[in-house]
C-alpha atoms as a PDB file:
ATOM      1  CA  UNK A   1     -13.205 -17.116  -6.392  1.00  0.00           C
ATOM      2  CA  UNK A   2     -11.845 -18.128  -3.392  1.00  0.00           C
ATOM      3  CA  UNK A   3      -8.043 -17.027  -1.494  1.00  0.00           C
ATOM      4  CA  UNK A   4      -6.191 -20.316  -2.559  1.00  0.00           C
ATOM      5  CA  UNK A   5      -7.729 -20.612  -5.985  1.00  0.00           C
ATOM      6  CA  UNK A   6      -6.909 -16.629  -7.034  1.00  0.00           C
ATOM      7  CA  UNK A   7      -3.512 -16.864  -5.158  1.00  0.00           C
ATOM      8  CA  UNK A   8      -2.411 -19.779  -7.266  1.00  0.00           C
ATOM      9  CA  UNK A   9      -4.041 -18.679 -10.049  1.00  0.00           C
ATOM     10  CA  UNK A  10      -1.988 -15.565 -10.098  1.00  0.00           C
ATOM     11  CA  UNK A  11       1.484 -17.327  -9.100  1.00  0.00           C
ATOM     12  CA  UNK A  12       0.979 -19.330 -12.322  1.00  0.00           C
ATOM     13  CA  UNK A  13       0.177 -16.122 -14.433  1.00  0.00           C
ATOM     14  CA  UNK A  14       3.417 -14.139 -13.485  1.00  0.00           C
ATOM     15  CA  UNK A  15       5.584 -17.197 -12.660  1.00  0.00           C
ATOM     16  CA  UNK A  16       5.998 -16.247  -9.216  1.00  0.00           C
ATOM     17  CA  UNK A  17       6.130 -18.315  -5.784  1.00  0.00           C
ATOM     18  CA  UNK A  18       3.474 -17.176  -3.352  1.00  0.00           C
ATOM     19  CA  UNK A  19       3.610 -19.961  -0.847  1.00  0.00           C
ATOM     20  CA  UNK A  20       2.398 -18.609   2.867  1.00  0.00           C
ATOM     21  CA  UNK A  21       4.968 -18.899   5.482  1.00  0.00           C
ATOM     22  CA  UNK A  22       4.332 -19.959   8.518  1.00  0.00           C
ATOM     23  CA  UNK A  23       2.775 -16.221   9.581  1.00  0.00           C
ATOM     24  CA  UNK A  24       0.231 -17.102   6.685  1.00  0.00           C
ATOM     25  CA  UNK A  25       1.578 -14.410   4.773  1.00  0.00           C
ATOM     26  CA  UNK A  26       2.656 -14.663   0.890  1.00  0.00           C
ATOM     27  CA  UNK A  27       5.275 -12.044  -0.631  1.00  0.00           C
ATOM     28  CA  UNK A  28       6.161 -11.219  -4.106  1.00  0.00           C
ATOM     29  CA  UNK A  29       8.406  -7.797  -5.268  1.00  0.00           C
ATOM     30  CA  UNK A  30       6.529  -6.010  -7.833  1.00  0.00           C
ATOM     31  CA  UNK A  31       8.556  -3.091  -9.561  1.00  0.00           C
ATOM     32  CA  UNK A  32      11.011  -3.227  -6.418  1.00  0.00           C
ATOM     33  CA  UNK A  33       8.183  -2.966  -4.128  1.00  0.00           C
ATOM     34  CA  UNK A  34       8.001  -5.601  -1.396  1.00  0.00           C
ATOM     35  CA  UNK A  35       3.963  -6.835  -1.559  1.00  0.00           C
ATOM     36  CA  UNK A  36       2.352  -9.200   1.203  1.00  0.00           C
ATOM     37  CA  UNK A  37      -0.726 -10.809   1.160  1.00  0.00           C
ATOM     38  CA  UNK A  38      -2.677 -12.926   3.092  1.00  0.00           C
ATOM     39  CA  UNK A  39      -6.458 -13.813   3.420  1.00  0.00           C
ATOM     40  CA  UNK A  40      -8.751 -12.409   6.449  1.00  0.00           C
ATOM     41  CA  UNK A  41     -10.990 -15.488   6.693  1.00  0.00           C
ATOM     42  CA  UNK A  42     -12.940 -13.419   9.093  1.00  0.00           C
ATOM     43  CA  UNK A  43     -13.913 -10.229   6.773  1.00  0.00           C
ATOM     44  CA  UNK A  44     -13.857 -12.532   3.522  1.00  0.00           C
ATOM     45  CA  UNK A  45     -11.181 -10.434   2.226  1.00  0.00           C
ATOM     46  CA  UNK A  46      -7.452 -10.560   0.995  1.00  0.00           C
ATOM     47  CA  UNK A  47      -5.244  -8.284   3.023  1.00  0.00           C
ATOM     48  CA  UNK A  48      -2.313  -6.386   0.736  1.00  0.00           C
ATOM     49  CA  UNK A  49       0.474  -4.604   2.343  1.00  0.00           C
ATOM     50  CA  UNK A  50       3.261  -2.774   0.590  1.00  0.00           C
ATOM     51  CA  UNK A  51       6.752  -1.508   2.162  1.00  0.00           C
ATOM     52  CA  UNK A  52       7.212   2.057   1.334  1.00  0.00           C
ATOM     53  CA  UNK A  53      10.678   2.569   3.436  1.00  0.00           C
ATOM     54  CA  UNK A  54      11.213   4.292   6.686  1.00  0.00           C
ATOM     55  CA  UNK A  55       9.940   7.333   7.988  1.00  0.00           C
ATOM     56  CA  UNK A  56      12.201  10.146   7.301  1.00  0.00           C
ATOM     57  CA  UNK A  57      14.334  10.238  10.468  1.00  0.00           C
ATOM     58  CA  UNK A  58      14.404  13.713  11.493  1.00  0.00           C
ATOM     59  CA  UNK A  59      10.996  14.863  10.583  1.00  0.00           C
ATOM     60  CA  UNK A  60       8.983  11.613  11.988  1.00  0.00           C
ATOM     61  CA  UNK A  61       6.385  13.466  13.823  1.00  0.00           C
ATOM     62  CA  UNK A  62       5.294  15.909  11.084  1.00  0.00           C
ATOM     63  CA  UNK A  63       5.482  13.530   8.615  1.00  0.00           C
ATOM     64  CA  UNK A  64       3.168  11.286  10.413  1.00  0.00           C
ATOM     65  CA  UNK A  65       0.620  14.092  10.793  1.00  0.00           C
ATOM     66  CA  UNK A  66       0.513  14.334   7.029  1.00  0.00           C
ATOM     67  CA  UNK A  67       0.193  10.539   6.914  1.00  0.00           C
ATOM     68  CA  UNK A  68      -2.734  10.520   9.311  1.00  0.00           C
ATOM     69  CA  UNK A  69      -4.552  12.940   6.585  1.00  0.00           C
ATOM     70  CA  UNK A  70      -3.531  10.879   3.406  1.00  0.00           C
ATOM     71  CA  UNK A  71      -4.712   7.549   5.632  1.00  0.00           C
ATOM     72  CA  UNK A  72      -8.739   9.333   5.952  1.00  0.00           C
ATOM     73  CA  UNK A  73      -8.843   9.991   2.055  1.00  0.00           C
ATOM     74  CA  UNK A  74      -7.207   6.421   1.686  1.00  0.00           C
ATOM     75  CA  UNK A  75      -9.658   4.739   4.002  1.00  0.00           C
ATOM     76  CA  UNK A  76     -12.571   6.588   2.493  1.00  0.00           C
ATOM     77  CA  UNK A  77     -11.479   5.502  -1.380  1.00  0.00           C
ATOM     78  CA  UNK A  78     -10.105   2.257  -1.031  1.00  0.00           C
ATOM     79  CA  UNK A  79     -10.551   0.446   2.353  1.00  0.00           C
ATOM     80  CA  UNK A  80      -6.624   0.875   2.983  1.00  0.00           C
ATOM     81  CA  UNK A  81      -4.456   3.001   5.415  1.00  0.00           C
ATOM     82  CA  UNK A  82      -1.026   3.744   6.321  1.00  0.00           C
ATOM     83  CA  UNK A  83       0.791   1.817   9.141  1.00  0.00           C
ATOM     84  CA  UNK A  84       4.304   1.931  10.956  1.00  0.00           C
ATOM     85  CA  UNK A  85       5.904  -0.933  12.336  1.00  0.00           C
ATOM     86  CA  UNK A  86       8.061  -0.820  15.685  1.00  0.00           C
ATOM     87  CA  UNK A  87      11.288   0.070  13.015  1.00  0.00           C
ATOM     88  CA  UNK A  88       9.617   2.827  11.819  1.00  0.00           C
ATOM     89  CA  UNK A  89       8.826   0.977   8.750  1.00  0.00           C
ATOM     90  CA  UNK A  90       6.136   2.662   6.550  1.00  0.00           C
ATOM     91  CA  UNK A  91       3.402   0.536   4.875  1.00  0.00           C
ATOM     92  CA  UNK A  92       0.359   1.339   3.025  1.00  0.00           C
ATOM     93  CA  UNK A  93      -2.200  -1.299   3.537  1.00  0.00           C
ATOM     94  CA  UNK A  94      -5.493  -2.401   1.412  1.00  0.00           C
ATOM     95  CA  UNK A  95      -8.252  -4.575   1.661  1.00  0.00           C
ATOM     96  CA  UNK A  96      -9.632  -6.305  -0.960  1.00  0.00           C
ATOM     97  CA  UNK A  97     -13.354  -8.223  -0.246  1.00  0.00           C
ATOM     98  CA  UNK A  98     -13.335 -11.632  -1.774  1.00  0.00           C
ATOM     99  CA  UNK A  99     -16.760 -11.494  -3.095  1.00  0.00           C
ATOM    100  CA  UNK A 100     -15.391  -8.980  -5.886  1.00  0.00           C
ATOM    101  CA  UNK A 101     -11.932 -10.481  -6.091  1.00  0.00           C
ATOM    102  CA  UNK A 102     -11.180 -12.153  -9.850  1.00  0.00           C
ATOM    103  CA  UNK A 103      -7.855 -12.030 -11.191  1.00  0.00           C
ATOM    104  CA  UNK A 104      -8.267  -8.284 -12.574  1.00  0.00           C
ATOM    105  CA  UNK A 105      -9.420  -6.861  -9.661  1.00  0.00           C
ATOM    106  CA  UNK A 106      -6.690  -8.595  -7.527  1.00  0.00           C
ATOM    107  CA  UNK A 107      -3.953  -7.385 -10.000  1.00  0.00           C
ATOM    108  CA  UNK A 108      -5.287  -4.207 -10.597  1.00  0.00           C
ATOM    109  CA  UNK A 109      -5.513  -3.519  -6.357  1.00  0.00           C
ATOM    110  CA  UNK A 110      -1.874  -5.152  -6.083  1.00  0.00           C
ATOM    111  CA  UNK A 111      -0.654  -2.503  -9.003  1.00  0.00           C
ATOM    112  CA  UNK A 112      -2.406   0.539  -7.354  1.00  0.00           C
ATOM    113  CA  UNK A 113      -0.909  -0.648  -3.669  1.00  0.00           C
ATOM    114  CA  UNK A 114       2.817  -0.591  -5.556  1.00  0.00           C
ATOM    115  CA  UNK A 115       2.168   2.614  -7.679  1.00  0.00           C
ATOM    116  CA  UNK A 116       1.061   4.300  -4.059  1.00  0.00           C
ATOM    117  CA  UNK A 117       3.696   2.948  -2.221  1.00  0.00           C
ATOM    118  CA  UNK A 118       6.024   4.371  -4.917  1.00  0.00           C
ATOM    119  CA  UNK A 119       4.724   7.842  -4.692  1.00  0.00           C
ATOM    120  CA  UNK A 120       4.822   8.028  -0.934  1.00  0.00           C
ATOM    121  CA  UNK A 121       8.627   6.798  -1.204  1.00  0.00           C
ATOM    122  CA  UNK A 122       9.158   9.866  -3.086  1.00  0.00           C
ATOM    123  CA  UNK A 123       7.141  12.093  -0.864  1.00  0.00           C
ATOM    124  CA  UNK A 124       9.525  10.759   2.066  1.00  0.00           C
ATOM    125  CA  UNK A 125      12.170  11.322   0.137  1.00  0.00           C
ATOM    126  CA  UNK A 126      11.287  14.905  -0.388  1.00  0.00           C
ATOM    127  CA  UNK A 127      10.528  15.523   2.901  1.00  0.00           C
ATOM    128  CA  UNK A 128      13.739  14.072   4.295  1.00  0.00           C
ATOM    129  CA  UNK A 129      15.822  16.541   1.428  1.00  0.00           C
ATOM    130  CA  UNK A 130      14.296  19.683   1.545  1.00  0.00           C
ATOM    131  CA  UNK A 131      13.318  22.416   3.864  1.00  0.00           C
ATOM    132  CA  UNK A 132      10.299  20.833   6.193  1.00  0.00           C
ATOM    133  CA  UNK A 133       8.196  23.453   5.997  1.00  0.00           C
ATOM    134  CA  UNK A 134       8.108  23.739   2.102  1.00  0.00           C
ATOM    135  CA  UNK A 135       7.904  19.759   1.578  1.00  0.00           C
ATOM    136  CA  UNK A 136       5.089  19.466   4.286  1.00  0.00           C
ATOM    137  CA  UNK A 137       2.920  22.028   2.359  1.00  0.00           C
ATOM    138  CA  UNK A 138       3.249  20.615  -1.066  1.00  0.00           C
ATOM    139  CA  UNK A 139       2.789  16.479   0.513  1.00  0.00           C
ATOM    140  CA  UNK A 140      -0.586  17.476   2.143  1.00  0.00           C
ATOM    141  CA  UNK A 141      -1.705  19.136  -0.615  1.00  0.00           C
ATOM    142  CA  UNK A 142      -0.720  15.936  -2.517  1.00  0.00           C
ATOM    143  CA  UNK A 143      -2.575  13.888   0.585  1.00  0.00           C
ATOM    144  CA  UNK A 144      -5.617  15.841   0.478  1.00  0.00           C
ATOM    145  CA  UNK A 145      -5.888  15.051  -3.346  1.00  0.00           C
ATOM    146  CA  UNK A 146      -8.721  12.256  -3.523  1.00  0.00           C
ATOM    147  CA  UNK A 147      -6.186  10.538  -5.319  1.00  0.00           C
ATOM    148  CA  UNK A 148      -3.451  11.192  -2.883  1.00  0.00           C
ATOM    149  CA  UNK A 149      -1.400  13.034  -6.033  1.00  0.00           C
ATOM    150  CA  UNK A 150      -1.937  10.303  -8.170  1.00  0.00           C
ATOM    151  CA  UNK A 151      -4.522  10.597 -11.141  1.00  0.00           C
ATOM    152  CA  UNK A 152      -4.530   6.861 -12.329  1.00  0.00           C
ATOM    153  CA  UNK A 153      -4.351   5.383  -8.448  1.00  0.00           C
ATOM    154  CA  UNK A 154      -7.873   3.920  -8.385  1.00  0.00           C
ATOM    155  CA  UNK A 155      -8.365   1.466 -10.988  1.00  0.00           C
ATOM    156  CA  UNK A 156     -10.546  -1.164  -9.434  1.00  0.00           C
END
């Protein structure tokens, strides 16, 4: 399925507007999570990005080290990674090859990305609200889990 055809079918099925902006990104809100997607024509893939939230302000460095570990597991499992913008906003990014992208794969990828963003939003909040040492240990254990602490994370 081609990108535009897939996105148009997604918009029709779920009754959402997915018109791309000037930057080529389409955006939707799913369960309170802002998700954007665009085509990477060179890679023949869809790039999905979900906003997690701000890095914990007082523990950016320590939380970032946990994210690096989790990013390694994420990229090994689903071709994804965490990224942070100039305003310390955390995102999780995933690539879905167009060769495999039908409606079921696309919606499943969106759902798992939203689930992952929600999970890491909870981790960031826990990290910011409790003793940093204890939170770091607990979150690192989740980050080293192949499913990043969420047993039904990979649904594709």
